[in-house]
């Protein structure tokens, strides 16, 4: 009893002798167009609406771009006004939290100052030295910001570790500067000897 449907349809297709008369499809489309005429005024309305919508979108984009270009100035003023009003002598440091952290802070600050005192600035290394000094100044500002956070929010693990990492980074930066200056001096000596 089970018969394959595919075979049935293939057999029916071959057995079917029904053919459509010539031009049947064209006559059917003509009758369909007569029964359901397309209103051209509707097409015109939609095209006018498309143009109006495009103009509204363009005006909206232009307004948004104008507001966006004006926004950074107001944000800068807001940020400056909202800065904490804590004096530098009121800032807490790692030493205020515990004596062990004071030792760590003193160790890094002493080594940073020692490394800075060892570095000699010359005209040959001025550009390299200035680049490192700018980076050190940025790290110092970040250290002050973290100290403000420590003062306002109290000690927490993230702030303390960020302060210590900042000191480590400054010391590593100075050691890298010292190595680069040493390499620069060595290359200058090799050039002079040859």
N, C-alpha and C. Protein backbone atom coordinates (compact mmCIF):
# COMPACT_ATOMS: atom_id res chain seq x y z
N UNK A 1 0.79 -1.19 0.00
CA UNK A 1 0.00 0.00 0.00
C UNK A 1 0.84 1.27 0.00
N UNK A 2 1.97 1.20 0.67
CA UNK A 2 2.78 2.40 0.74
C UNK A 2 3.35 2.69 -0.63
N UNK A 3 3.06 3.89 -1.09
CA UNK A 3 3.56 4.29 -2.40
C UNK A 3 4.36 5.57 -2.24
N UNK A 4 5.33 5.70 -3.04
CA UNK A 4 6.19 6.88 -2.99
C UNK A 4 5.45 8.06 -3.63
N UNK A 5 5.34 9.13 -2.88
CA UNK A 5 4.62 10.32 -3.37
C UNK A 5 5.32 10.94 -4.57
N UNK A 6 6.59 10.86 -4.59
CA UNK A 6 7.33 11.45 -5.72
C UNK A 6 6.95 10.75 -7.03
N UNK A 7 6.85 9.47 -6.94
CA UNK A 7 6.50 8.73 -8.16
C UNK A 7 5.08 9.07 -8.60
N UNK A 8 4.17 9.24 -7.63
CA UNK A 8 2.80 9.59 -7.98
C UNK A 8 2.73 10.92 -8.72
N UNK A 9 3.44 11.92 -8.20
CA UNK A 9 3.42 13.24 -8.85
C UNK A 9 4.08 13.21 -10.21
N UNK A 10 5.12 12.46 -10.37
CA UNK A 10 5.78 12.36 -11.68
C UNK A 10 4.85 11.67 -12.68
N UNK A 11 4.17 10.64 -12.22
CA UNK A 11 3.24 9.93 -13.11
C UNK A 11 2.07 10.82 -13.49
N UNK A 12 1.55 11.59 -12.55
CA UNK A 12 0.42 12.48 -12.84
C UNK A 12 0.83 13.56 -13.83
N UNK A 13 2.04 14.07 -13.67
CA UNK A 13 2.53 15.11 -14.58
C UNK A 13 2.61 14.56 -16.00
N UNK A 14 3.07 13.36 -16.11
CA UNK A 14 3.19 12.75 -17.45
C UNK A 14 1.82 12.41 -18.02
N UNK A 15 0.86 12.02 -17.18
CA UNK A 15 -0.47 11.62 -17.64
C UNK A 15 -1.35 12.81 -17.99
N UNK A 16 -1.08 13.94 -17.41
CA UNK A 16 -1.94 15.10 -17.59
C UNK A 16 -1.81 15.64 -18.99
N UNK A 17 -2.94 15.78 -19.64
CA UNK A 17 -2.98 16.30 -21.00
C UNK A 17 -3.53 17.71 -21.03
N UNK A 18 -3.79 18.30 -19.88
CA UNK A 18 -4.37 19.64 -19.82
C UNK A 18 -3.32 20.67 -20.16
N UNK A 19 -3.65 21.52 -21.06
CA UNK A 19 -2.76 22.61 -21.46
C UNK A 19 -3.55 23.90 -21.40
N UNK A 20 -2.88 24.97 -21.03
CA UNK A 20 -3.52 26.28 -21.01
C UNK A 20 -3.55 26.81 -22.43
N UNK A 21 -4.59 27.56 -22.70
CA UNK A 21 -4.71 28.13 -24.04
C UNK A 21 -3.69 29.25 -24.23
N UNK A 22 -3.39 29.51 -25.43
CA UNK A 22 -2.41 30.53 -25.80
C UNK A 22 -2.87 31.90 -25.30
N UNK A 23 -2.00 32.67 -24.59
CA UNK A 23 -2.31 34.01 -24.11
C UNK A 23 -3.19 34.05 -22.87
N UNK A 24 -3.38 32.88 -22.23
CA UNK A 24 -4.24 32.82 -21.05
C UNK A 24 -3.70 33.71 -19.93
N UNK A 25 -2.39 33.66 -19.71
CA UNK A 25 -1.79 34.44 -18.62
C UNK A 25 -1.94 35.94 -18.86
N UNK A 26 -1.76 36.38 -20.09
CA UNK A 26 -1.87 37.81 -20.41
C UNK A 26 -3.30 38.29 -20.20
N UNK A 27 -4.30 37.46 -20.60
CA UNK A 27 -5.70 37.84 -20.40
C UNK A 27 -6.02 37.91 -18.90
N UNK A 28 -5.48 36.98 -18.15
CA UNK A 28 -5.74 36.96 -16.70
C UNK A 28 -5.18 38.21 -16.03
N UNK A 29 -3.98 38.62 -16.40
CA UNK A 29 -3.36 39.82 -15.82
C UNK A 29 -4.16 41.07 -16.20
N UNK A 30 -4.68 41.10 -17.44
CA UNK A 30 -5.47 42.25 -17.88
C UNK A 30 -6.76 42.36 -17.07
N UNK A 31 -7.43 41.23 -16.86
CA UNK A 31 -8.66 41.23 -16.06
C UNK A 31 -8.37 41.63 -14.61
N UNK A 32 -7.23 41.17 -14.10
CA UNK A 32 -6.84 41.52 -12.73
C UNK A 32 -6.59 43.01 -12.58
N UNK A 33 -5.92 43.61 -13.57
CA UNK A 33 -5.67 45.05 -13.55
C UNK A 33 -6.98 45.84 -13.63
N UNK A 34 -7.92 45.35 -14.40
CA UNK A 34 -9.22 46.04 -14.51
C UNK A 34 -9.99 45.95 -13.20
N UNK A 35 -9.92 44.80 -12.54
CA UNK A 35 -10.67 44.61 -11.30
C UNK A 35 -10.05 45.38 -10.13
N UNK A 36 -8.72 45.47 -10.10
CA UNK A 36 -8.03 46.17 -9.01
C UNK A 36 -7.14 47.27 -9.58
N UNK A 37 -7.68 48.39 -9.94
CA UNK A 37 -6.83 49.44 -10.52
C UNK A 37 -5.91 50.05 -9.45
N UNK A 38 -4.73 50.39 -9.88
CA UNK A 38 -3.75 51.01 -8.99
C UNK A 38 -3.97 52.52 -9.05
N UNK A 39 -4.11 53.13 -7.87
CA UNK A 39 -4.36 54.56 -7.79
C UNK A 39 -3.02 55.29 -7.84
N UNK A 40 -2.79 56.06 -8.85
CA UNK A 40 -1.52 56.78 -9.01
C UNK A 40 -1.38 57.90 -8.00
N UNK A 41 -2.49 58.42 -7.49
CA UNK A 41 -2.41 59.49 -6.49
C UNK A 41 -1.81 58.97 -5.19
N UNK A 42 -2.07 57.69 -4.89
CA UNK A 42 -1.48 57.09 -3.69
C UNK A 42 0.03 57.01 -3.85
N UNK A 43 0.48 56.64 -5.04
CA UNK A 43 1.93 56.58 -5.28
C UNK A 43 2.55 57.96 -5.13
N UNK A 44 1.87 58.97 -5.62
CA UNK A 44 2.40 60.33 -5.50
C UNK A 44 2.47 60.75 -4.04
N UNK A 45 1.42 60.41 -3.27
CA UNK A 45 1.43 60.76 -1.85
C UNK A 45 2.60 60.11 -1.12
N UNK A 46 2.83 58.82 -1.42
CA UNK A 46 3.92 58.12 -0.75
C UNK A 46 5.28 58.71 -1.14
N UNK A 47 5.45 59.12 -2.39
CA UNK A 47 6.73 59.70 -2.77
C UNK A 47 6.94 61.05 -2.08
N UNK A 48 5.86 61.82 -1.92
CA UNK A 48 5.99 63.09 -1.21
C UNK A 48 6.30 62.84 0.26
N UNK A 49 5.67 61.83 0.85
CA UNK A 49 5.95 61.49 2.24
C UNK A 49 7.39 61.01 2.42
N UNK A 50 7.91 60.28 1.46
CA UNK A 50 9.31 59.82 1.53
C UNK A 50 10.27 61.02 1.53
N UNK A 51 9.98 61.99 0.67
CA UNK A 51 10.82 63.19 0.60
C UNK A 51 10.74 63.97 1.91
N UNK A 52 9.54 64.12 2.45
CA UNK A 52 9.37 64.85 3.71
C UNK A 52 10.08 64.12 4.85
N UNK A 53 9.98 62.81 4.89
CA UNK A 53 10.66 62.04 5.94
C UNK A 53 12.18 62.19 5.83
N UNK A 54 12.68 62.20 4.61
CA UNK A 54 14.13 62.38 4.41
C UNK A 54 14.59 63.74 4.92
N UNK A 55 13.79 64.77 4.65
CA UNK A 55 14.14 66.12 5.11
C UNK A 55 14.13 66.18 6.64
N UNK A 56 13.14 65.56 7.28
CA UNK A 56 13.06 65.54 8.74
C UNK A 56 14.28 64.82 9.32
N UNK A 57 14.67 63.70 8.72
CA UNK A 57 15.83 62.95 9.21
C UNK A 57 17.10 63.80 9.07
N UNK A 58 17.27 64.48 7.96
CA UNK A 58 18.45 65.32 7.76
C UNK A 58 18.50 66.46 8.77
N UNK A 59 17.36 67.08 9.04
CA UNK A 59 17.33 68.16 10.03
C UNK A 59 17.68 67.60 11.41
N UNK A 60 17.16 66.43 11.74
CA UNK A 60 17.47 65.81 13.02
C UNK A 60 18.95 65.49 13.16
N UNK A 61 19.55 64.96 12.10
CA UNK A 61 20.98 64.66 12.13
C UNK A 61 21.82 65.93 12.28
N UNK A 62 21.44 66.97 11.57
CA UNK A 62 22.17 68.23 11.67
C UNK A 62 22.07 68.81 13.08
N UNK A 63 20.89 68.76 13.67
CA UNK A 63 20.71 69.26 15.03
C UNK A 63 21.52 68.45 16.03
N UNK A 64 21.51 67.12 15.89
CA UNK A 64 22.28 66.26 16.77
C UNK A 64 23.77 66.53 16.64
N UNK A 65 24.26 66.69 15.41
CA UNK A 65 25.68 66.98 15.21
C UNK A 65 26.05 68.32 15.84
N UNK A 66 25.19 69.31 15.72
CA UNK A 66 25.46 70.61 16.31
C UNK A 66 25.53 70.51 17.84
N UNK A 67 24.57 69.80 18.43
CA UNK A 67 24.57 69.64 19.89
C UNK A 67 25.77 68.84 20.35
N UNK A 68 26.14 67.82 19.60
CA UNK A 68 27.28 66.99 19.96
C UNK A 68 28.58 67.78 19.90
N UNK A 69 28.71 68.66 18.93
CA UNK A 69 29.94 69.46 18.81
C UNK A 69 30.03 70.50 19.93
N UNK A 70 28.92 70.91 20.49
CA UNK A 70 28.92 71.88 21.58
C UNK A 70 29.08 71.23 22.94
N UNK A 71 28.84 69.93 23.05
CA UNK A 71 28.81 69.24 24.34
C UNK A 71 30.15 69.19 25.06
N UNK A 72 31.30 68.92 24.43
CA UNK A 72 32.54 68.78 25.19
C UNK A 72 32.91 70.00 26.03
N UNK A 73 32.60 71.18 25.55
CA UNK A 73 32.94 72.37 26.31
C UNK A 73 32.19 72.39 27.64
N UNK A 74 30.92 72.04 27.61
CA UNK A 74 30.15 72.06 28.85
C UNK A 74 30.58 70.94 29.78
N UNK A 75 31.01 69.81 29.23
CA UNK A 75 31.48 68.70 30.08
C UNK A 75 32.77 69.10 30.79
N UNK A 76 33.69 69.75 30.07
CA UNK A 76 34.94 70.17 30.70
C UNK A 76 34.67 71.11 31.87
N UNK A 77 33.77 72.05 31.68
CA UNK A 77 33.46 72.98 32.76
C UNK A 77 32.84 72.25 33.94
N UNK A 78 31.99 71.29 33.68
CA UNK A 78 31.36 70.53 34.75
C UNK A 78 32.39 69.73 35.52
N UNK A 79 33.32 69.10 34.81
CA UNK A 79 34.33 68.28 35.47
C UNK A 79 35.21 69.14 36.37
N UNK A 80 35.59 70.31 35.88
CA UNK A 80 36.45 71.19 36.67
C UNK A 80 35.71 71.67 37.92
N UNK A 81 34.42 71.96 37.78
CA UNK A 81 33.65 72.44 38.91
C UNK A 81 33.44 71.35 39.96
N UNK A 82 33.40 70.10 39.55
CA UNK A 82 33.11 69.01 40.47
C UNK A 82 34.36 68.40 41.09
N UNK A 83 35.53 68.94 40.84
CA UNK A 83 36.73 68.40 41.44
C UNK A 83 36.69 68.60 42.96
N UNK A 84 37.23 67.64 43.69
CA UNK A 84 37.19 67.75 45.15
C UNK A 84 38.01 68.94 45.64
N UNK A 85 37.58 69.52 46.71
CA UNK A 85 38.24 70.69 47.27
C UNK A 85 39.08 70.30 48.48
N UNK A 86 39.94 69.30 48.31
CA UNK A 86 40.80 68.84 49.39
C UNK A 86 42.19 69.43 49.18
N UNK A 87 42.72 70.02 50.22
CA UNK A 87 44.06 70.60 50.12
C UNK A 87 45.09 69.49 50.16
N UNK A 88 46.26 69.77 49.58
CA UNK A 88 47.28 68.74 49.47
C UNK A 88 47.78 68.27 50.83
N UNK A 89 47.81 69.14 51.82
CA UNK A 89 48.29 68.73 53.14
C UNK A 89 47.26 67.88 53.89
N UNK A 90 46.01 67.85 53.40
CA UNK A 90 44.97 67.03 54.02
C UNK A 90 44.88 65.64 53.40
N UNK A 91 45.60 65.40 52.32
CA UNK A 91 45.54 64.11 51.64
C UNK A 91 46.15 63.01 52.50
N UNK A 92 45.49 61.86 52.48
CA UNK A 92 46.04 60.71 53.18
C UNK A 92 47.02 60.00 52.26
N UNK A 93 48.02 59.39 52.87
CA UNK A 93 48.98 58.62 52.10
C UNK A 93 48.97 57.19 52.62
N UNK A 94 49.79 56.36 52.01
CA UNK A 94 49.87 54.97 52.46
C UNK A 94 50.35 54.90 53.91
N UNK A 95 51.21 55.83 54.31
CA UNK A 95 51.73 55.85 55.68
C UNK A 95 50.67 56.11 56.72
N UNK A 96 49.57 56.76 56.33
CA UNK A 96 48.48 57.02 57.27
C UNK A 96 47.64 55.76 57.54
N UNK A 97 47.77 54.77 56.68
CA UNK A 97 46.97 53.55 56.85
C UNK A 97 47.65 52.59 57.81
N UNK A 98 48.94 52.31 57.54
CA UNK A 98 49.65 51.39 58.43
C UNK A 98 51.16 51.66 58.34
N UNK A 99 51.92 51.31 59.38
CA UNK A 99 53.37 51.52 59.37
C UNK A 99 54.06 50.69 58.28
N UNK A 100 53.55 49.51 57.99
CA UNK A 100 54.15 48.68 56.94
C UNK A 100 54.01 49.35 55.57
N UNK A 101 52.84 49.90 55.31
CA UNK A 101 52.63 50.59 54.04
C UNK A 101 53.46 51.87 53.96
N UNK A 102 53.71 52.50 55.11
CA UNK A 102 54.57 53.68 55.13
C UNK A 102 55.98 53.29 54.71
N UNK A 103 56.46 52.13 55.18
CA UNK A 103 57.79 51.66 54.79
C UNK A 103 57.86 51.41 53.28
N UNK A 104 56.83 50.81 52.74
CA UNK A 104 56.78 50.54 51.30
C UNK A 104 56.81 51.85 50.52
N UNK A 105 55.97 52.79 50.94
CA UNK A 105 55.89 54.08 50.27
C UNK A 105 57.23 54.82 50.37
N UNK A 106 57.82 54.84 51.54
CA UNK A 106 59.12 55.52 51.72
C UNK A 106 60.20 54.86 50.88
N UNK A 107 60.19 53.54 50.82
CA UNK A 107 61.18 52.81 50.02
C UNK A 107 61.11 53.25 48.56
N UNK A 108 59.90 53.20 47.99
CA UNK A 108 59.76 53.56 46.58
C UNK A 108 60.08 55.03 46.33
N UNK A 109 59.59 55.91 47.18
CA UNK A 109 59.85 57.34 46.98
C UNK A 109 61.35 57.65 47.10
N UNK A 110 62.03 57.00 48.03
CA UNK A 110 63.48 57.21 48.17
C UNK A 110 64.21 56.72 46.93
N UNK A 111 63.85 55.56 46.43
CA UNK A 111 64.52 55.04 45.24
C UNK A 111 64.20 55.89 43.99
N UNK A 112 62.98 56.38 43.91
CA UNK A 112 62.63 57.24 42.78
C UNK A 112 63.47 58.51 42.82
N UNK A 113 63.56 59.13 43.97
CA UNK A 113 64.36 60.35 44.10
C UNK A 113 65.85 60.07 43.85
N UNK A 114 66.34 58.92 44.32
CA UNK A 114 67.74 58.56 44.09
C UNK A 114 68.02 58.38 42.61
N UNK A 115 67.13 57.67 41.91
CA UNK A 115 67.33 57.45 40.48
C UNK A 115 67.25 58.76 39.70
N UNK A 116 66.34 59.64 40.12
CA UNK A 116 66.25 60.94 39.46
C UNK A 116 67.52 61.76 39.66
N UNK A 117 68.10 61.66 40.84
CA UNK A 117 69.32 62.44 41.10
C UNK A 117 70.52 61.89 40.32
N UNK A 118 70.52 60.62 39.99
CA UNK A 118 71.63 60.00 39.26
C UNK A 118 71.61 60.35 37.77
N UNK A 119 70.47 60.71 37.26
CA UNK A 119 70.34 60.95 35.82
C UNK A 119 70.86 62.34 35.48
N UNK A 120 71.76 62.37 34.52
CA UNK A 120 72.33 63.64 34.05
C UNK A 120 71.70 63.98 32.71
N UNK A 121 71.16 65.18 32.64
CA UNK A 121 70.53 65.62 31.40
C UNK A 121 71.55 66.37 30.56
N UNK A 122 71.66 65.97 29.29
CA UNK A 122 72.54 66.64 28.34
C UNK A 122 71.71 67.03 27.12
N UNK A 123 72.35 67.74 26.21
CA UNK A 123 71.63 68.13 25.00
C UNK A 123 71.31 66.92 24.12
N UNK A 124 72.16 65.88 24.19
CA UNK A 124 71.94 64.69 23.36
C UNK A 124 70.75 63.88 23.86
N UNK A 125 70.53 63.85 25.18
CA UNK A 125 69.46 63.01 25.72
C UNK A 125 68.25 63.83 26.18
N UNK A 126 68.22 65.11 25.85
CA UNK A 126 67.14 65.99 26.33
C UNK A 126 65.76 65.51 25.87
N UNK A 127 65.63 65.13 24.61
CA UNK A 127 64.33 64.71 24.08
C UNK A 127 63.84 63.43 24.78
N UNK A 128 64.74 62.48 24.94
CA UNK A 128 64.40 61.24 25.64
C UNK A 128 64.03 61.52 27.09
N UNK A 129 64.82 62.35 27.74
CA UNK A 129 64.60 62.70 29.14
C UNK A 129 63.25 63.41 29.31
N UNK A 130 62.96 64.36 28.42
CA UNK A 130 61.70 65.11 28.51
C UNK A 130 60.49 64.20 28.36
N UNK A 131 60.58 63.20 27.45
CA UNK A 131 59.48 62.26 27.28
C UNK A 131 59.19 61.49 28.56
N UNK A 132 60.27 61.07 29.24
CA UNK A 132 60.09 60.33 30.49
C UNK A 132 59.59 61.24 31.60
N UNK A 133 60.04 62.48 31.62
CA UNK A 133 59.58 63.42 32.65
C UNK A 133 58.09 63.69 32.50
N UNK A 134 57.62 63.79 31.27
CA UNK A 134 56.19 64.01 31.03
C UNK A 134 55.39 62.82 31.55
N UNK A 135 55.87 61.62 31.25
CA UNK A 135 55.18 60.40 31.72
C UNK A 135 55.20 60.32 33.25
N UNK A 136 56.32 60.70 33.86
CA UNK A 136 56.41 60.71 35.32
C UNK A 136 55.44 61.72 35.93
N UNK A 137 55.30 62.86 35.27
CA UNK A 137 54.35 63.88 35.76
C UNK A 137 52.92 63.35 35.70
N UNK A 138 52.59 62.61 34.61
CA UNK A 138 51.26 62.02 34.51
C UNK A 138 51.03 61.01 35.63
N UNK A 139 52.04 60.20 35.90
CA UNK A 139 51.92 59.21 36.98
C UNK A 139 51.79 59.90 38.35
N UNK A 140 52.49 61.01 38.51
CA UNK A 140 52.39 61.77 39.76
C UNK A 140 50.97 62.33 39.94
N UNK A 141 50.38 62.83 38.85
CA UNK A 141 49.00 63.34 38.92
C UNK A 141 48.04 62.21 39.27
N UNK A 142 48.27 61.04 38.67
CA UNK A 142 47.42 59.89 38.97
C UNK A 142 47.57 59.49 40.44
N UNK A 143 48.79 59.58 40.96
CA UNK A 143 49.04 59.26 42.37
C UNK A 143 48.27 60.23 43.28
N UNK A 144 48.26 61.51 42.91
CA UNK A 144 47.51 62.50 43.69
C UNK A 144 46.01 62.21 43.63
N UNK A 145 45.52 61.82 42.44
CA UNK A 145 44.11 61.50 42.30
C UNK A 145 43.74 60.29 43.17
N UNK A 146 44.63 59.30 43.18
CA UNK A 146 44.38 58.13 44.03
C UNK A 146 44.43 58.50 45.51
N UNK A 147 45.31 59.44 45.86
CA UNK A 147 45.37 59.89 47.25
C UNK A 147 44.09 60.60 47.66
N UNK A 148 43.52 61.38 46.73
CA UNK A 148 42.24 62.04 46.99
C UNK A 148 41.16 60.98 47.20
N UNK A 149 41.17 59.96 46.35
CA UNK A 149 40.20 58.87 46.48
C UNK A 149 40.37 58.16 47.83
N UNK A 150 41.61 57.96 48.24
CA UNK A 150 41.89 57.33 49.52
C UNK A 150 41.37 58.19 50.67
N UNK A 151 41.53 59.51 50.54
CA UNK A 151 41.07 60.43 51.58
C UNK A 151 39.55 60.46 51.65
N UNK A 152 38.90 60.51 50.50
CA UNK A 152 37.45 60.63 50.48
C UNK A 152 36.74 59.32 50.83
N UNK A 153 37.20 58.21 50.28
CA UNK A 153 36.49 56.94 50.43
C UNK A 153 37.07 56.04 51.51
N UNK A 154 38.20 56.41 52.05
CA UNK A 154 38.83 55.56 53.05
C UNK A 154 39.64 54.46 52.37
N UNK A 155 40.45 53.77 53.14
CA UNK A 155 41.31 52.75 52.55
C UNK A 155 40.52 51.54 52.07
N UNK A 156 40.85 51.09 50.88
CA UNK A 156 40.34 49.82 50.38
C UNK A 156 41.45 49.16 49.57
N UNK A 157 41.30 47.90 49.35
CA UNK A 157 42.36 47.10 48.73
C UNK A 157 42.73 47.61 47.34
N UNK A 158 41.73 47.99 46.55
CA UNK A 158 42.01 48.44 45.19
C UNK A 158 42.81 49.75 45.17
N UNK A 159 42.42 50.68 46.00
CA UNK A 159 43.12 51.97 46.02
C UNK A 159 44.55 51.80 46.52
N UNK A 160 44.74 51.01 47.56
CA UNK A 160 46.07 50.80 48.12
C UNK A 160 46.97 50.12 47.08
N UNK A 161 46.45 49.08 46.43
CA UNK A 161 47.27 48.39 45.43
C UNK A 161 47.55 49.29 44.23
N UNK A 162 46.59 50.16 43.86
CA UNK A 162 46.82 51.10 42.76
C UNK A 162 47.91 52.10 43.12
N UNK A 163 47.93 52.57 44.36
CA UNK A 163 48.98 53.49 44.80
C UNK A 163 50.36 52.82 44.76
N UNK A 164 50.44 51.59 45.24
CA UNK A 164 51.72 50.87 45.23
C UNK A 164 52.15 50.58 43.79
N UNK A 165 51.21 50.17 42.94
CA UNK A 165 51.54 49.91 41.53
C UNK A 165 52.03 51.18 40.84
N UNK A 166 51.45 52.32 41.20
CA UNK A 166 51.89 53.59 40.63
C UNK A 166 53.35 53.86 41.00
N UNK A 167 53.68 53.64 42.26
CA UNK A 167 55.07 53.85 42.70
C UNK A 167 56.02 52.88 41.98
N UNK A 168 55.62 51.62 41.84
CA UNK A 168 56.44 50.63 41.14
C UNK A 168 56.65 51.05 39.69
N UNK A 169 55.59 51.51 39.07
CA UNK A 169 55.67 51.91 37.67
C UNK A 169 56.62 53.10 37.50
N UNK A 170 56.54 54.05 38.40
CA UNK A 170 57.46 55.20 38.32
C UNK A 170 58.91 54.75 38.46
N UNK A 171 59.19 53.86 39.41
CA UNK A 171 60.56 53.37 39.61
C UNK A 171 61.01 52.58 38.39
N UNK A 172 60.15 51.72 37.84
CA UNK A 172 60.51 50.97 36.63
C UNK A 172 60.76 51.90 35.45
N UNK A 173 59.98 52.95 35.35
CA UNK A 173 60.15 53.92 34.28
C UNK A 173 61.51 54.61 34.40
N UNK A 174 61.88 54.97 35.60
CA UNK A 174 63.19 55.61 35.80
C UNK A 174 64.32 54.63 35.50
N UNK A 175 64.17 53.37 35.89
CA UNK A 175 65.19 52.37 35.57
C UNK A 175 65.31 52.18 34.06
N UNK A 176 64.20 52.17 33.36
CA UNK A 176 64.23 52.05 31.90
C UNK A 176 64.91 53.27 31.27
N UNK A 177 64.61 54.45 31.79
CA UNK A 177 65.26 55.67 31.30
C UNK A 177 66.77 55.58 31.51
N UNK A 178 67.15 55.12 32.68
CA UNK A 178 68.57 55.00 32.99
C UNK A 178 69.26 54.03 32.03
N UNK A 179 68.61 52.90 31.73
CA UNK A 179 69.17 51.93 30.79
C UNK A 179 69.28 52.52 29.39
N UNK A 180 68.26 53.25 28.95
CA UNK A 180 68.29 53.83 27.62
C UNK A 180 69.37 54.91 27.52
N UNK A 181 69.52 55.69 28.57
CA UNK A 181 70.59 56.70 28.58
C UNK A 181 71.95 56.03 28.56
N UNK A 182 72.10 54.93 29.28
CA UNK A 182 73.36 54.18 29.28
C UNK A 182 73.65 53.64 27.87
N UNK A 183 72.62 53.07 27.22
CA UNK A 183 72.79 52.56 25.85
C UNK A 183 73.11 53.69 24.89
N UNK A 184 72.48 54.84 25.07
CA UNK A 184 72.74 55.99 24.21
C UNK A 184 74.17 56.47 24.38
N UNK A 185 74.65 56.54 25.61
CA UNK A 185 76.03 56.95 25.87
C UNK A 185 77.01 55.94 25.31
N UNK A 186 76.70 54.66 25.43
CA UNK A 186 77.60 53.62 24.91
C UNK A 186 77.67 53.69 23.39
N UNK A 187 76.55 53.93 22.74
CA UNK A 187 76.56 54.03 21.27
C UNK A 187 77.30 55.29 20.83
N UNK A 188 77.19 56.38 21.60
CA UNK A 188 77.93 57.59 21.27
C UNK A 188 79.44 57.37 21.41
N UNK A 189 79.86 56.62 22.44
CA UNK A 189 81.27 56.33 22.64
C UNK A 189 81.81 55.46 21.52
N UNK A 190 81.01 54.49 21.05
CA UNK A 190 81.44 53.63 19.96
C UNK A 190 81.60 54.46 18.69
N UNK A 191 80.69 55.38 18.46
CA UNK A 191 80.80 56.25 17.28
C UNK A 191 82.04 57.12 17.34
N UNK A 192 82.37 57.61 18.54
CA UNK A 192 83.54 58.45 18.68
C UNK A 192 84.84 57.67 18.47
N UNK A 193 84.88 56.42 18.90
CA UNK A 193 86.08 55.59 18.79
C UNK A 193 86.31 55.10 17.37
N UNK A 194 85.29 55.04 16.55
CA UNK A 194 85.49 54.54 15.18
C UNK A 194 85.75 55.61 14.20
